[in-house]
């Protein structure tokens, strides 16, 4: 592909430079995506998932925790004990109850 750069106006040269810089910046990412797609296709043809070899799926997917505590006013509202305490837990603790009292 020969481009006569001397014949192009300045605006087109700058636009071409921007396109080249973008292509260079994204080149490695594009190549990695192509390689990953090829690896996934090869694994699929052999009856496997790529995650079977990398072990990534087990680390990313975590089973939800079972609820440990229930709201005394509404047993359908539960909390696993992870993360921030729900308002009903905070209110129950403030009223003198303990987490042991709220256990399912």
C-alpha atoms as a PDB file:
ATOM      1  CA  UNK A   1       0.000   0.000   0.000  1.00  0.00           C
ATOM      2  CA  UNK A   2       1.723   3.139  -1.229  1.00  0.00           C
ATOM      3  CA  UNK A   3       0.360   6.488  -0.137  1.00  0.00           C
ATOM      4  CA  UNK A   4       1.789   9.620  -1.658  1.00  0.00           C
ATOM      5  CA  UNK A   5       2.140  11.589   1.566  1.00  0.00           C
ATOM      6  CA  UNK A   6       3.494  14.632  -0.275  1.00  0.00           C
ATOM      7  CA  UNK A   7       0.208  15.024  -2.157  1.00  0.00           C
ATOM      8  CA  UNK A   8      -2.032  14.936   0.947  1.00  0.00           C
ATOM      9  CA  UNK A   9      -3.209  18.154   2.580  1.00  0.00           C
ATOM     10  CA  UNK A  10      -2.239  18.816   6.199  1.00  0.00           C
ATOM     11  CA  UNK A  11      -5.687  17.943   7.598  1.00  0.00           C
ATOM     12  CA  UNK A  12      -5.626  14.519   5.955  1.00  0.00           C
ATOM     13  CA  UNK A  13      -2.057  13.897   7.140  1.00  0.00           C
ATOM     14  CA  UNK A  14      -3.088  14.671  10.726  1.00  0.00           C
ATOM     15  CA  UNK A  15      -6.151  12.435  10.425  1.00  0.00           C
ATOM     16  CA  UNK A  16      -3.983   9.646   9.040  1.00  0.00           C
ATOM     17  CA  UNK A  17      -1.490  10.102  11.883  1.00  0.00           C
ATOM     18  CA  UNK A  18      -4.324   9.849  14.443  1.00  0.00           C
ATOM     19  CA  UNK A  19      -5.601   6.641  12.840  1.00  0.00           C
ATOM     20  CA  UNK A  20      -2.095   5.141  12.841  1.00  0.00           C
ATOM     21  CA  UNK A  21      -1.527   6.075  16.506  1.00  0.00           C
ATOM     22  CA  UNK A  22      -4.856   4.478  17.474  1.00  0.00           C
ATOM     23  CA  UNK A  23      -4.042   1.335  15.491  1.00  0.00           C
ATOM     24  CA  UNK A  24      -0.662   1.049  17.184  1.00  0.00           C
ATOM     25  CA  UNK A  25      -2.158   1.617  20.632  1.00  0.00           C
ATOM     26  CA  UNK A  26      -4.801  -1.088  20.187  1.00  0.00           C
ATOM     27  CA  UNK A  27      -2.641  -3.564  18.244  1.00  0.00           C
ATOM     28  CA  UNK A  28      -1.637  -5.706  21.223  1.00  0.00           C
ATOM     29  CA  UNK A  29      -5.180  -5.817  22.617  1.00  0.00           C
ATOM     30  CA  UNK A  30      -6.533  -6.899  19.236  1.00  0.00           C
ATOM     31  CA  UNK A  31      -3.908  -9.622  18.927  1.00  0.00           C
ATOM     32  CA  UNK A  32      -4.662 -10.884  22.454  1.00  0.00           C
ATOM     33  CA  UNK A  33      -8.391 -11.041  21.660  1.00  0.00           C
ATOM     34  CA  UNK A  34      -7.680 -12.943  18.450  1.00  0.00           C
ATOM     35  CA  UNK A  35      -5.428 -15.411  20.295  1.00  0.00           C
ATOM     36  CA  UNK A  36      -8.016 -15.890  23.048  1.00  0.00           C
ATOM     37  CA  UNK A  37     -10.762 -16.528  20.490  1.00  0.00           C
ATOM     38  CA  UNK A  38      -8.559 -19.069  18.724  1.00  0.00           C
ATOM     39  CA  UNK A  39      -7.744 -20.845  21.988  1.00  0.00           C
ATOM     40  CA  UNK A  40     -11.415 -20.929  22.996  1.00  0.00           C
ATOM     41  CA  UNK A  41     -12.357 -22.339  19.585  1.00  0.00           C
ATOM     42  CA  UNK A  42      -9.688 -25.042  19.801  1.00  0.00           C
ATOM     43  CA  UNK A  43     -10.770 -26.023  23.315  1.00  0.00           C
ATOM     44  CA  UNK A  44     -14.428 -26.072  22.227  1.00  0.00           C
ATOM     45  CA  UNK A  45     -13.633 -28.332  19.257  1.00  0.00           C
ATOM     46  CA  UNK A  46     -11.989 -30.777  21.648  1.00  0.00           C
ATOM     47  CA  UNK A  47     -14.989 -30.721  23.979  1.00  0.00           C
ATOM     48  CA  UNK A  48     -13.615 -28.438  26.670  1.00  0.00           C
ATOM     49  CA  UNK A  49     -14.046 -24.906  27.871  1.00  0.00           C
ATOM     50  CA  UNK A  50     -10.962 -22.716  28.100  1.00  0.00           C
ATOM     51  CA  UNK A  51     -11.797 -22.129  31.766  1.00  0.00           C
ATOM     52  CA  UNK A  52     -11.218 -25.845  32.361  1.00  0.00           C
ATOM     53  CA  UNK A  53      -7.526 -25.186  31.733  1.00  0.00           C
ATOM     54  CA  UNK A  54      -7.150 -21.778  33.312  1.00  0.00           C
ATOM     55  CA  UNK A  55      -9.153 -22.429  36.487  1.00  0.00           C
ATOM     56  CA  UNK A  56     -10.640 -18.938  36.302  1.00  0.00           C
ATOM     57  CA  UNK A  57     -14.287 -19.937  36.515  1.00  0.00           C
ATOM     58  CA  UNK A  58     -14.010 -21.362  40.031  1.00  0.00           C
ATOM     59  CA  UNK A  59     -12.308 -18.252  41.350  1.00  0.00           C
ATOM     60  CA  UNK A  60     -14.772 -15.832  39.810  1.00  0.00           C
ATOM     61  CA  UNK A  61     -18.002 -17.601  40.712  1.00  0.00           C
ATOM     62  CA  UNK A  62     -18.835 -17.808  44.361  1.00  0.00           C
ATOM     63  CA  UNK A  63     -21.906 -19.505  45.717  1.00  0.00           C
ATOM     64  CA  UNK A  64     -24.280 -17.220  47.592  1.00  0.00           C
ATOM     65  CA  UNK A  65     -24.124 -17.549  51.345  1.00  0.00           C
ATOM     66  CA  UNK A  66     -27.006 -19.071  53.230  1.00  0.00           C
ATOM     67  CA  UNK A  67     -28.963 -16.679  55.459  1.00  0.00           C
ATOM     68  CA  UNK A  68     -28.063 -16.851  59.149  1.00  0.00           C
ATOM     69  CA  UNK A  69     -30.365 -14.242  60.635  1.00  0.00           C
ATOM     70  CA  UNK A  70     -34.053 -13.454  60.208  1.00  0.00           C
ATOM     71  CA  UNK A  71     -36.032 -10.340  61.011  1.00  0.00           C
ATOM     72  CA  UNK A  72     -38.229 -11.086  64.048  1.00  0.00           C
ATOM     73  CA  UNK A  73     -41.006  -8.911  62.607  1.00  0.00           C
ATOM     74  CA  UNK A  74     -40.918 -10.604  59.179  1.00  0.00           C
ATOM     75  CA  UNK A  75     -39.154 -13.972  58.918  1.00  0.00           C
ATOM     76  CA  UNK A  76     -39.000 -13.662  55.121  1.00  0.00           C
ATOM     77  CA  UNK A  77     -36.431 -10.851  55.491  1.00  0.00           C
ATOM     78  CA  UNK A  78     -33.033 -12.423  56.132  1.00  0.00           C
ATOM     79  CA  UNK A  79     -29.350 -11.530  56.338  1.00  0.00           C
ATOM     80  CA  UNK A  80     -26.300 -13.716  55.697  1.00  0.00           C
ATOM     81  CA  UNK A  81     -24.100 -11.957  58.212  1.00  0.00           C
ATOM     82  CA  UNK A  82     -21.915 -10.566  55.435  1.00  0.00           C
ATOM     83  CA  UNK A  83     -21.646  -6.946  54.435  1.00  0.00           C
ATOM     84  CA  UNK A  84     -23.352  -4.034  56.149  1.00  0.00           C
ATOM     85  CA  UNK A  85     -25.927  -4.805  58.795  1.00  0.00           C
ATOM     86  CA  UNK A  86     -29.488  -4.195  57.641  1.00  0.00           C
ATOM     87  CA  UNK A  87     -31.475  -1.558  59.502  1.00  0.00           C
ATOM     88  CA  UNK A  88     -33.613  -4.166  61.202  1.00  0.00           C
ATOM     89  CA  UNK A  89     -30.465  -5.815  62.644  1.00  0.00           C
ATOM     90  CA  UNK A  90     -29.128  -2.489  63.854  1.00  0.00           C
ATOM     91  CA  UNK A  91     -32.497  -1.645  65.434  1.00  0.00           C
ATOM     92  CA  UNK A  92     -32.724  -5.049  67.130  1.00  0.00           C
ATOM     93  CA  UNK A  93     -29.201  -4.715  68.539  1.00  0.00           C
ATOM     94  CA  UNK A  94     -29.997  -1.210  69.781  1.00  0.00           C
ATOM     95  CA  UNK A  95     -33.101  -2.511  71.550  1.00  0.00           C
ATOM     96  CA  UNK A  96     -31.003  -4.953  73.554  1.00  0.00           C
ATOM     97  CA  UNK A  97     -31.237  -8.105  71.441  1.00  0.00           C
ATOM     98  CA  UNK A  98     -28.113 -10.004  70.374  1.00  0.00           C
ATOM     99  CA  UNK A  99     -27.264 -11.626  67.069  1.00  0.00           C
ATOM    100  CA  UNK A 100     -27.865 -14.953  68.774  1.00  0.00           C
ATOM    101  CA  UNK A 101     -31.513 -13.896  69.230  1.00  0.00           C
ATOM    102  CA  UNK A 102     -31.845 -13.247  65.479  1.00  0.00           C
ATOM    103  CA  UNK A 103     -30.351 -16.537  64.285  1.00  0.00           C
ATOM    104  CA  UNK A 104     -32.489 -18.733  62.084  1.00  0.00           C
END
